[in-house]
All heavy atoms as atom14 arrays in JSON, in Angstrom:
{
  "sequence": "IHFHSQPFGNWLASEEKAVEIVKVLTDWGMEPYVYIIPIGDLQQEIV",
  "atom14_mask": [
    [1, 1, 1, 1, 1, 1, 1, 1, 0, 0, 0, 0, 0, 0],
    [1, 1, 1, 1, 1, 1, 1, 1, 1, 1, 0, 0, 0, 0],
    [1, 1, 1, 1, 1, 1, 1, 1, 1, 1, 1, 0, 0, 0],
    [1, 1, 1, 1, 1, 1, 1, 1, 1, 1, 0, 0, 0, 0],
    [1, 1, 1, 1, 1, 1, 0, 0, 0, 0, 0, 0, 0, 0],
    [1, 1, 1, 1, 1, 1, 1, 1, 1, 0, 0, 0, 0, 0],
    [1, 1, 1, 1, 1, 1, 1, 0, 0, 0, 0, 0, 0, 0],
    [1, 1, 1, 1, 1, 1, 1, 1, 1, 1, 1, 0, 0, 0],
    [1, 1, 1, 1, 0, 0, 0, 0, 0, 0, 0, 0, 0, 0],
    [1, 1, 1, 1, 1, 1, 1, 1, 0, 0, 0, 0, 0, 0],
    [1, 1, 1, 1, 1, 1, 1, 1, 1, 1, 1, 1, 1, 1],
    [1, 1, 1, 1, 1, 1, 1, 1, 0, 0, 0, 0, 0, 0],
    [1, 1, 1, 1, 1, 0, 0, 0, 0, 0, 0, 0, 0, 0],
    [1, 1, 1, 1, 1, 1, 0, 0, 0, 0, 0, 0, 0, 0],
    [1, 1, 1, 1, 1, 1, 1, 1, 1, 0, 0, 0, 0, 0],
    [1, 1, 1, 1, 1, 1, 1, 1, 1, 0, 0, 0, 0, 0],
    [1, 1, 1, 1, 1, 1, 1, 1, 1, 0, 0, 0, 0, 0],
    [1, 1, 1, 1, 1, 0, 0, 0, 0, 0, 0, 0, 0, 0],
    [1, 1, 1, 1, 1, 1, 1, 0, 0, 0, 0, 0, 0, 0],
    [1, 1, 1, 1, 1, 1, 1, 1, 1, 0, 0, 0, 0, 0],
    [1, 1, 1, 1, 1, 1, 1, 1, 0, 0, 0, 0, 0, 0],
    [1, 1, 1, 1, 1, 1, 1, 0, 0, 0, 0, 0, 0, 0],
    [1, 1, 1, 1, 1, 1, 1, 1, 1, 0, 0, 0, 0, 0],
    [1, 1, 1, 1, 1, 1, 1, 0, 0, 0, 0, 0, 0, 0],
    [1, 1, 1, 1, 1, 1, 1, 1, 0, 0, 0, 0, 0, 0],
    [1, 1, 1, 1, 1, 1, 1, 0, 0, 0, 0, 0, 0, 0],
    [1, 1, 1, 1, 1, 1, 1, 1, 0, 0, 0, 0, 0, 0],
    [1, 1, 1, 1, 1, 1, 1, 1, 1, 1, 1, 1, 1, 1],
    [1, 1, 1, 1, 0, 0, 0, 0, 0, 0, 0, 0, 0, 0],
    [1, 1, 1, 1, 1, 1, 1, 1, 0, 0, 0, 0, 0, 0],
    [1, 1, 1, 1, 1, 1, 1, 1, 1, 0, 0, 0, 0, 0],
    [1, 1, 1, 1, 1, 1, 1, 0, 0, 0, 0, 0, 0, 0],
    [1, 1, 1, 1, 1, 1, 1, 1, 1, 1, 1, 1, 0, 0],
    [1, 1, 1, 1, 1, 1, 1, 0, 0, 0, 0, 0, 0, 0],
    [1, 1, 1, 1, 1, 1, 1, 1, 1, 1, 1, 1, 0, 0],
    [1, 1, 1, 1, 1, 1, 1, 1, 0, 0, 0, 0, 0, 0],
    [1, 1, 1, 1, 1, 1, 1, 1, 0, 0, 0, 0, 0, 0],
    [1, 1, 1, 1, 1, 1, 1, 0, 0, 0, 0, 0, 0, 0],
    [1, 1, 1, 1, 1, 1, 1, 1, 0, 0, 0, 0, 0, 0],
    [1, 1, 1, 1, 0, 0, 0, 0, 0, 0, 0, 0, 0, 0],
    [1, 1, 1, 1, 1, 1, 1, 1, 0, 0, 0, 0, 0, 0],
    [1, 1, 1, 1, 1, 1, 1, 1, 0, 0, 0, 0, 0, 0],
    [1, 1, 1, 1, 1, 1, 1, 1, 1, 0, 0, 0, 0, 0],
    [1, 1, 1, 1, 1, 1, 1, 1, 1, 0, 0, 0, 0, 0],
    [1, 1, 1, 1, 1, 1, 1, 1, 1, 0, 0, 0, 0, 0],
    [1, 1, 1, 1, 1, 1, 1, 1, 0, 0, 0, 0, 0, 0],
    [1, 1, 1, 1, 1, 1, 1, 0, 0, 0, 0, 0, 0, 0]
  ],
  "atom14_positions": [
    [[91.63, 84.93, 108.26], [92.68, 85.26, 107.29], [93.36, 83.95, 106.91], [93.93, 83.26, 107.77], [93.71, 86.24, 107.9], [93.01, 87.51, 108.42], [94.78, 86.59, 106.88], [93.91, 88.38, 109.28], [0.0, 0.0, 0.0], [0.0, 0.0, 0.0], [0.0, 0.0, 0.0], [0.0, 0.0, 0.0], [0.0, 0.0, 0.0], [0.0, 0.0, 0.0]],
    [[93.29, 83.59, 105.64], [93.82, 82.3, 105.19], [94.98, 82.52, 104.22], [94.86, 83.25, 103.24], [92.72, 81.49, 104.49], [93.2, 80.18, 103.96], [93.61, 79.15, 104.78], [93.36, 79.74, 102.68], [93.97, 78.13, 104.04], [93.84, 78.46, 102.76], [0.0, 0.0, 0.0], [0.0, 0.0, 0.0], [0.0, 0.0, 0.0], [0.0, 0.0, 0.0]],
    [[96.1, 81.84, 104.51], [97.27, 81.86, 103.64], [97.38, 80.52, 102.92], [97.18, 79.47, 103.52], [98.54, 82.08, 104.46], [98.59, 83.41, 105.17], [98.08, 83.55, 106.45], [99.18, 84.51, 104.56], [98.13, 84.77, 107.12], [99.23, 85.74, 105.22], [98.71, 85.86, 106.5], [0.0, 0.0, 0.0], [0.0, 0.0, 0.0], [0.0, 0.0, 0.0]],
    [[97.71, 80.56, 101.62], [98.01, 79.32, 100.92], [99.19, 79.52, 99.97], [99.69, 80.65, 99.8], [96.79, 78.74, 100.21], [96.17, 79.6, 99.16], [96.88, 80.17, 98.12], [94.87, 80.0, 98.99], [96.07, 80.86, 97.34], [94.84, 80.79, 97.84], [0.0, 0.0, 0.0], [0.0, 0.0, 0.0], [0.0, 0.0, 0.0], [0.0, 0.0, 0.0]],
    [[99.63, 78.41, 99.38], [100.9, 78.41, 98.66], [100.77, 78.65, 97.15], [101.67, 78.3, 96.4], [101.62, 77.07, 98.89], [100.8, 76.0, 98.44], [0.0, 0.0, 0.0], [0.0, 0.0, 0.0], [0.0, 0.0, 0.0], [0.0, 0.0, 0.0], [0.0, 0.0, 0.0], [0.0, 0.0, 0.0], [0.0, 0.0, 0.0], [0.0, 0.0, 0.0]],
    [[99.64, 79.23, 96.73], [99.51, 79.55, 95.3], [100.76, 80.33, 94.81], [101.21, 81.23, 95.51], [98.26, 80.41, 95.08], [97.95, 80.69, 93.63], [96.77, 81.66, 93.46], [96.23, 82.2, 94.43], [96.36, 81.87, 92.23], [0.0, 0.0, 0.0], [0.0, 0.0, 0.0], [0.0, 0.0, 0.0], [0.0, 0.0, 0.0], [0.0, 0.0, 0.0]],
    [[101.36, 79.94, 93.72], [100.87, 79.04, 92.65], [101.35, 77.6, 92.77], [101.31, 76.87, 91.78], [101.47, 79.69, 91.4], [102.8, 80.21, 91.87], [102.56, 80.69, 93.28], [0.0, 0.0, 0.0], [0.0, 0.0, 0.0], [0.0, 0.0, 0.0], [0.0, 0.0, 0.0], [0.0, 0.0, 0.0], [0.0, 0.0, 0.0], [0.0, 0.0, 0.0]],
    [[101.78, 77.18, 93.96], [102.34, 75.84, 94.12], [101.41, 74.96, 94.94], [100.65, 75.43, 95.79], [103.71, 75.92, 94.81], [104.67, 76.87, 94.14], [104.96, 78.09, 94.71], [105.28, 76.53, 92.94], [105.85, 78.98, 94.1], [106.16, 77.4, 92.32], [106.45, 78.62, 92.89], [0.0, 0.0, 0.0], [0.0, 0.0, 0.0], [0.0, 0.0, 0.0]],
    [[101.51, 73.65, 94.73], [100.79, 72.7, 95.55], [99.28, 72.75, 95.31], [98.78, 73.42, 94.4], [0.0, 0.0, 0.0], [0.0, 0.0, 0.0], [0.0, 0.0, 0.0], [0.0, 0.0, 0.0], [0.0, 0.0, 0.0], [0.0, 0.0, 0.0], [0.0, 0.0, 0.0], [0.0, 0.0, 0.0], [0.0, 0.0, 0.0], [0.0, 0.0, 0.0]],
    [[98.56, 72.07, 96.19], [97.09, 71.98, 96.07], [96.45, 73.15, 96.81], [95.67, 72.97, 97.75], [96.62, 70.63, 96.64], [95.17, 70.34, 96.27], [94.56, 71.05, 95.47], [94.61, 69.29, 96.85], [0.0, 0.0, 0.0], [0.0, 0.0, 0.0], [0.0, 0.0, 0.0], [0.0, 0.0, 0.0], [0.0, 0.0, 0.0], [0.0, 0.0, 0.0]],
    [[96.79, 74.34, 96.37], [96.33, 75.54, 97.08], [94.83, 75.76, 96.95], [94.2, 76.3, 97.86], [97.08, 76.78, 96.57], [96.87, 77.06, 95.11], [97.63, 76.62, 94.08], [95.82, 77.84, 94.54], [97.13, 77.08, 92.88], [96.02, 77.83, 93.13], [94.74, 78.55, 95.06], [95.17, 78.5, 92.26], [93.89, 79.22, 94.2], [94.1, 79.19, 92.81]],
    [[94.24, 75.35, 95.83], [92.81, 75.57, 95.64], [91.99, 74.77, 96.65], [91.0, 75.27, 97.2], [92.4, 75.2, 94.21], [90.94, 75.49, 93.84], [90.62, 76.96, 94.04], [90.66, 75.08, 92.4], [0.0, 0.0, 0.0], [0.0, 0.0, 0.0], [0.0, 0.0, 0.0], [0.0, 0.0, 0.0], [0.0, 0.0, 0.0], [0.0, 0.0, 0.0]],
    [[92.38, 73.53, 96.93], [91.68, 72.73, 97.93], [91.81, 73.37, 99.31], [90.86, 73.35, 100.11], [92.24, 71.3, 97.95], [0.0, 0.0, 0.0], [0.0, 0.0, 0.0], [0.0, 0.0, 0.0], [0.0, 0.0, 0.0], [0.0, 0.0, 0.0], [0.0, 0.0, 0.0], [0.0, 0.0, 0.0], [0.0, 0.0, 0.0], [0.0, 0.0, 0.0]],
    [[92.97, 73.95, 99.58], [93.17, 74.64, 100.86], [92.22, 75.82, 100.99], [91.6, 76.04, 102.04], [94.62, 75.09, 100.97], [94.85, 75.81, 102.15], [0.0, 0.0, 0.0], [0.0, 0.0, 0.0], [0.0, 0.0, 0.0], [0.0, 0.0, 0.0], [0.0, 0.0, 0.0], [0.0, 0.0, 0.0], [0.0, 0.0, 0.0], [0.0, 0.0, 0.0]],
    [[92.09, 76.6, 99.91], [91.18, 77.75, 99.92], [89.74, 77.3, 100.11], [88.99, 77.91, 100.89], [91.34, 78.52, 98.63], [90.42, 79.73, 98.51], [90.66, 80.53, 97.25], [91.84, 80.85, 96.95], [89.68, 80.84, 96.55], [0.0, 0.0, 0.0], [0.0, 0.0, 0.0], [0.0, 0.0, 0.0], [0.0, 0.0, 0.0], [0.0, 0.0, 0.0]],
    [[89.33, 76.24, 99.4], [87.96, 75.75, 99.5], [87.65, 75.28, 100.92], [86.56, 75.52, 101.44], [87.74, 74.62, 98.5], [87.72, 75.1, 97.05], [87.71, 73.96, 96.05], [87.93, 72.8, 96.47], [87.48, 74.22, 94.85], [0.0, 0.0, 0.0], [0.0, 0.0, 0.0], [0.0, 0.0, 0.0], [0.0, 0.0, 0.0], [0.0, 0.0, 0.0]],
    [[88.61, 74.6, 101.55], [88.41, 74.18, 102.94], [88.21, 75.37, 103.86], [87.32, 75.37, 104.72], [89.62, 73.37, 103.41], [89.67, 71.95, 102.92], [90.98, 71.28, 103.29], [91.21, 71.26, 104.78], [92.47, 70.57, 105.14], [0.0, 0.0, 0.0], [0.0, 0.0, 0.0], [0.0, 0.0, 0.0], [0.0, 0.0, 0.0], [0.0, 0.0, 0.0]],
    [[89.04, 76.39, 103.68], [88.93, 77.58, 104.54], [87.56, 78.23, 104.39], [86.94, 78.62, 105.39], [90.03, 78.58, 104.19], [0.0, 0.0, 0.0], [0.0, 0.0, 0.0], [0.0, 0.0, 0.0], [0.0, 0.0, 0.0], [0.0, 0.0, 0.0], [0.0, 0.0, 0.0], [0.0, 0.0, 0.0], [0.0, 0.0, 0.0], [0.0, 0.0, 0.0]],
    [[87.06, 78.34, 103.16], [85.75, 78.95, 102.95], [84.66, 78.12, 103.6], [83.73, 78.66, 104.23], [85.49, 79.13, 101.43], [84.04, 79.54, 101.18], [86.44, 80.16, 100.84], [0.0, 0.0, 0.0], [0.0, 0.0, 0.0], [0.0, 0.0, 0.0], [0.0, 0.0, 0.0], [0.0, 0.0, 0.0], [0.0, 0.0, 0.0], [0.0, 0.0, 0.0]],
    [[84.74, 76.79, 103.48], [83.74, 75.92, 104.1], [83.76, 76.04, 105.62], [82.71, 76.03, 106.27], [83.97, 74.47, 103.67], [83.59, 74.18, 102.23], [82.11, 74.44, 101.96], [81.28, 73.96, 102.76], [81.79, 75.14, 100.99], [0.0, 0.0, 0.0], [0.0, 0.0, 0.0], [0.0, 0.0, 0.0], [0.0, 0.0, 0.0], [0.0, 0.0, 0.0]],
    [[84.94, 76.14, 106.19], [85.04, 76.3, 107.64], [84.41, 77.62, 108.08], [83.68, 77.68, 109.08], [86.52, 76.21, 108.08], [87.01, 74.76, 107.97], [86.69, 76.73, 109.51], [88.51, 74.61, 108.13], [0.0, 0.0, 0.0], [0.0, 0.0, 0.0], [0.0, 0.0, 0.0], [0.0, 0.0, 0.0], [0.0, 0.0, 0.0], [0.0, 0.0, 0.0]],
    [[84.68, 78.68, 107.34], [84.08, 79.97, 107.68], [82.56, 79.91, 107.57], [81.85, 80.49, 108.4], [84.67, 81.1, 106.81], [83.95, 82.42, 107.08], [86.16, 81.24, 107.07], [0.0, 0.0, 0.0], [0.0, 0.0, 0.0], [0.0, 0.0, 0.0], [0.0, 0.0, 0.0], [0.0, 0.0, 0.0], [0.0, 0.0, 0.0], [0.0, 0.0, 0.0]],
    [[82.04, 79.19, 106.58], [80.58, 79.03, 106.47], [80.0, 78.44, 107.74], [78.96, 78.87, 108.24], [80.24, 78.13, 105.28], [80.32, 78.81, 103.93], [79.89, 77.85, 102.82], [80.0, 78.5, 101.45], [79.61, 77.55, 100.37], [0.0, 0.0, 0.0], [0.0, 0.0, 0.0], [0.0, 0.0, 0.0], [0.0, 0.0, 0.0], [0.0, 0.0, 0.0]],
    [[80.67, 77.41, 108.26], [80.19, 76.79, 109.5], [80.27, 77.78, 110.66], [79.33, 77.92, 111.46], [81.02, 75.53, 109.82], [80.69, 74.99, 111.21], [80.76, 74.45, 108.77], [0.0, 0.0, 0.0], [0.0, 0.0, 0.0], [0.0, 0.0, 0.0], [0.0, 0.0, 0.0], [0.0, 0.0, 0.0], [0.0, 0.0, 0.0], [0.0, 0.0, 0.0]],
    [[81.37, 78.49, 110.76], [81.59, 79.36, 111.92], [80.8, 80.66, 111.86], [80.68, 81.35, 112.87], [83.09, 79.63, 112.09], [83.92, 78.41, 112.5], [85.39, 78.76, 112.57], [83.43, 77.85, 113.84], [0.0, 0.0, 0.0], [0.0, 0.0, 0.0], [0.0, 0.0, 0.0], [0.0, 0.0, 0.0], [0.0, 0.0, 0.0], [0.0, 0.0, 0.0]],
    [[80.26, 81.02, 110.69], [79.38, 82.19, 110.66], [78.13, 81.95, 111.51], [77.56, 82.9, 112.05], [78.97, 82.57, 109.23], [78.39, 81.43, 108.58], [80.13, 83.1, 108.43], [0.0, 0.0, 0.0], [0.0, 0.0, 0.0], [0.0, 0.0, 0.0], [0.0, 0.0, 0.0], [0.0, 0.0, 0.0], [0.0, 0.0, 0.0], [0.0, 0.0, 0.0]],
    [[77.69, 80.7, 111.63], [76.56, 80.42, 112.51], [76.87, 80.77, 113.96], [75.96, 81.05, 114.74], [76.19, 78.93, 112.43], [75.37, 78.61, 111.19], [74.97, 79.55, 110.48], [75.15, 77.41, 110.92], [0.0, 0.0, 0.0], [0.0, 0.0, 0.0], [0.0, 0.0, 0.0], [0.0, 0.0, 0.0], [0.0, 0.0, 0.0], [0.0, 0.0, 0.0]],
    [[78.14, 80.72, 114.31], [78.56, 81.07, 115.68], [78.93, 82.54, 115.81], [79.33, 82.97, 116.88], [79.74, 80.19, 116.1], [79.43, 78.73, 116.11], [79.61, 77.83, 115.11], [78.85, 77.98, 117.19], [79.2, 76.58, 115.49], [78.73, 76.64, 116.77], [78.43, 78.32, 118.48], [78.2, 75.64, 117.58], [77.91, 77.33, 119.29], [77.8, 76.0, 118.84]],
    [[78.87, 83.29, 114.7], [79.11, 84.73, 114.77], [80.36, 85.22, 114.07], [80.67, 86.42, 114.15], [0.0, 0.0, 0.0], [0.0, 0.0, 0.0], [0.0, 0.0, 0.0], [0.0, 0.0, 0.0], [0.0, 0.0, 0.0], [0.0, 0.0, 0.0], [0.0, 0.0, 0.0], [0.0, 0.0, 0.0], [0.0, 0.0, 0.0], [0.0, 0.0, 0.0]],
    [[81.11, 84.33, 113.39], [82.31, 84.8, 112.68], [81.91, 85.75, 111.55], [80.82, 85.65, 110.98], [83.09, 83.61, 112.12], [84.4, 83.98, 111.45], [85.46, 82.55, 111.09], [86.14, 82.23, 112.71], [0.0, 0.0, 0.0], [0.0, 0.0, 0.0], [0.0, 0.0, 0.0], [0.0, 0.0, 0.0], [0.0, 0.0, 0.0], [0.0, 0.0, 0.0]],
    [[82.8, 86.68, 111.22], [82.55, 87.63, 110.14], [82.29, 86.87, 108.84], [82.96, 85.87, 108.56], [83.73, 88.58, 109.97], [84.01, 89.44, 111.19], [82.84, 90.34, 111.55], [82.53, 91.27, 110.79], [82.23, 90.11, 112.62], [0.0, 0.0, 0.0], [0.0, 0.0, 0.0], [0.0, 0.0, 0.0], [0.0, 0.0, 0.0], [0.0, 0.0, 0.0]],
    [[81.34, 87.33, 108.01], [80.92, 86.57, 106.83], [81.8, 86.81, 105.6], [81.32, 87.0, 104.5], [79.49, 87.06, 106.6], [79.53, 88.48, 107.05], [80.48, 88.51, 108.23], [0.0, 0.0, 0.0], [0.0, 0.0, 0.0], [0.0, 0.0, 0.0], [0.0, 0.0, 0.0], [0.0, 0.0, 0.0], [0.0, 0.0, 0.0], [0.0, 0.0, 0.0]],
    [[83.09, 86.79, 105.79], [84.04, 86.91, 104.69], [85.38, 86.35, 105.17], [85.6, 86.15, 106.38], [84.19, 88.36, 104.23], [84.57, 89.34, 105.33], [85.9, 89.58, 105.65], [83.59, 90.03, 106.03], [86.25, 90.47, 106.65], [83.93, 90.92, 107.04], [85.26, 91.14, 107.34], [85.59, 92.02, 108.34], [0.0, 0.0, 0.0], [0.0, 0.0, 0.0]],
    [[86.25, 86.07, 104.22], [87.58, 85.58, 104.56], [88.6, 86.24, 103.65], [88.36, 86.41, 102.45], [87.65, 84.03, 104.44], [87.21, 83.55, 103.07], [89.05, 83.51, 104.77], [0.0, 0.0, 0.0], [0.0, 0.0, 0.0], [0.0, 0.0, 0.0], [0.0, 0.0, 0.0], [0.0, 0.0, 0.0], [0.0, 0.0, 0.0], [0.0, 0.0, 0.0]],
    [[89.71, 86.65, 104.22], [90.82, 87.17, 103.43], [91.67, 85.99, 102.95], [92.08, 85.15, 103.75], [91.68, 88.12, 104.25], [91.04, 89.47, 104.49], [90.5, 89.79, 105.73], [90.99, 90.41, 103.47], [89.92, 91.03, 105.95], [90.41, 91.65, 103.69], [89.87, 91.96, 104.92], [89.28, 93.18, 105.13], [0.0, 0.0, 0.0], [0.0, 0.0, 0.0]],
    [[91.91, 85.92, 101.65], [92.73, 84.89, 101.04], [94.03, 85.52, 100.57], [94.01, 86.47, 99.77], [92.01, 84.22, 99.85], [90.66, 83.62, 100.3], [92.9, 83.18, 99.19], [90.79, 82.45, 101.25], [0.0, 0.0, 0.0], [0.0, 0.0, 0.0], [0.0, 0.0, 0.0], [0.0, 0.0, 0.0], [0.0, 0.0, 0.0], [0.0, 0.0, 0.0]],
    [[95.16, 84.99, 101.04], [96.46, 85.61, 100.75], [97.43, 84.54, 100.23], [97.85, 83.66, 100.99], [97.04, 86.29, 102.0], [96.01, 87.28, 102.61], [98.33, 87.01, 101.66], [96.45, 87.92, 103.89], [0.0, 0.0, 0.0], [0.0, 0.0, 0.0], [0.0, 0.0, 0.0], [0.0, 0.0, 0.0], [0.0, 0.0, 0.0], [0.0, 0.0, 0.0]],
    [[97.78, 84.59, 98.95], [98.75, 83.64, 98.4], [100.18, 84.07, 98.74], [100.56, 85.23, 98.54], [98.5, 83.71, 96.89], [97.96, 85.08, 96.65], [97.21, 85.46, 97.9], [0.0, 0.0, 0.0], [0.0, 0.0, 0.0], [0.0, 0.0, 0.0], [0.0, 0.0, 0.0], [0.0, 0.0, 0.0], [0.0, 0.0, 0.0], [0.0, 0.0, 0.0]],
    [[100.97, 83.13, 99.26], [102.36, 83.46, 99.63], [103.36, 82.44, 99.1], [104.51, 82.41, 99.56], [102.51, 83.6, 101.17], [102.13, 82.3, 101.87], [101.7, 84.77, 101.71], [102.52, 82.27, 103.35], [0.0, 0.0, 0.0], [0.0, 0.0, 0.0], [0.0, 0.0, 0.0], [0.0, 0.0, 0.0], [0.0, 0.0, 0.0], [0.0, 0.0, 0.0]],
    [[102.96, 81.62, 98.13], [103.86, 80.59, 97.62], [105.17, 81.16, 97.07], [106.26, 80.64, 97.36], [0.0, 0.0, 0.0], [0.0, 0.0, 0.0], [0.0, 0.0, 0.0], [0.0, 0.0, 0.0], [0.0, 0.0, 0.0], [0.0, 0.0, 0.0], [0.0, 0.0, 0.0], [0.0, 0.0, 0.0], [0.0, 0.0, 0.0], [0.0, 0.0, 0.0]],
    [[105.08, 82.25, 96.31], [106.31, 82.83, 95.75], [107.18, 83.44, 96.84], [108.42, 83.42, 96.76], [105.97, 83.86, 94.68], [105.01, 84.94, 95.16], [104.41, 84.77, 96.25], [104.84, 85.96, 94.45], [0.0, 0.0, 0.0], [0.0, 0.0, 0.0], [0.0, 0.0, 0.0], [0.0, 0.0, 0.0], [0.0, 0.0, 0.0], [0.0, 0.0, 0.0]],
    [[106.56, 83.96, 97.91], [107.32, 84.52, 99.02], [107.99, 83.41, 99.83], [109.12, 83.58, 100.32], [106.41, 85.36, 99.92], [105.71, 86.54, 99.24], [104.79, 87.26, 100.21], [106.73, 87.51, 98.66], [0.0, 0.0, 0.0], [0.0, 0.0, 0.0], [0.0, 0.0, 0.0], [0.0, 0.0, 0.0], [0.0, 0.0, 0.0], [0.0, 0.0, 0.0]],
    [[107.31, 82.29, 99.97], [107.92, 81.14, 100.65], [109.14, 80.65, 99.86], [110.18, 80.3, 100.44], [106.9, 80.02, 100.79], [105.8, 80.32, 101.81], [104.8, 79.17, 101.9], [103.82, 79.15, 101.17], [105.05, 78.24, 102.8], [0.0, 0.0, 0.0], [0.0, 0.0, 0.0], [0.0, 0.0, 0.0], [0.0, 0.0, 0.0], [0.0, 0.0, 0.0]],
    [[109.02, 80.64, 98.54], [110.14, 80.24, 97.7], [111.34, 81.18, 97.89], [112.5, 80.75, 97.93], [109.71, 80.22, 96.24], [110.69, 79.53, 95.31], [110.12, 79.41, 93.91], [109.67, 80.4, 93.33], [110.13, 78.21, 93.35], [0.0, 0.0, 0.0], [0.0, 0.0, 0.0], [0.0, 0.0, 0.0], [0.0, 0.0, 0.0], [0.0, 0.0, 0.0]],
    [[111.03, 82.46, 98.08], [112.08, 83.44, 98.33], [112.8, 83.15, 99.64], [114.03, 83.25, 99.74], [111.43, 84.83, 98.39], [112.29, 85.94, 97.87], [111.56, 87.27, 97.86], [110.47, 87.35, 97.26], [112.1, 88.23, 98.44], [0.0, 0.0, 0.0], [0.0, 0.0, 0.0], [0.0, 0.0, 0.0], [0.0, 0.0, 0.0], [0.0, 0.0, 0.0]],
    [[112.02, 82.76, 100.66], [112.62, 82.41, 101.95], [113.51, 81.19, 101.8], [114.61, 81.12, 102.37], [111.51, 82.18, 103.0], [110.81, 83.51, 103.33], [112.08, 81.54, 104.26], [109.58, 83.36, 104.21], [0.0, 0.0, 0.0], [0.0, 0.0, 0.0], [0.0, 0.0, 0.0], [0.0, 0.0, 0.0], [0.0, 0.0, 0.0], [0.0, 0.0, 0.0]],
    [[113.07, 80.2, 101.02], [113.85, 78.99, 100.81], [115.21, 79.31, 100.2], [116.24, 78.75, 100.59], [113.08, 78.01, 99.89], [113.97, 76.86, 99.44], [111.86, 77.47, 100.61], [0.0, 0.0, 0.0], [0.0, 0.0, 0.0], [0.0, 0.0, 0.0], [0.0, 0.0, 0.0], [0.0, 0.0, 0.0], [0.0, 0.0, 0.0], [0.0, 0.0, 0.0]]
  ]
}
């Protein structure tokens, strides 16, 4: 489960990294999908 700050910051690079990491870990048995959850606007609300 990956959280990023979309629509703020370099969120797309963060998502791409998470997907690449999951690709590697599927060889070890990780589930072959990842949940992507943007929370940038919610973080702004907390601020």
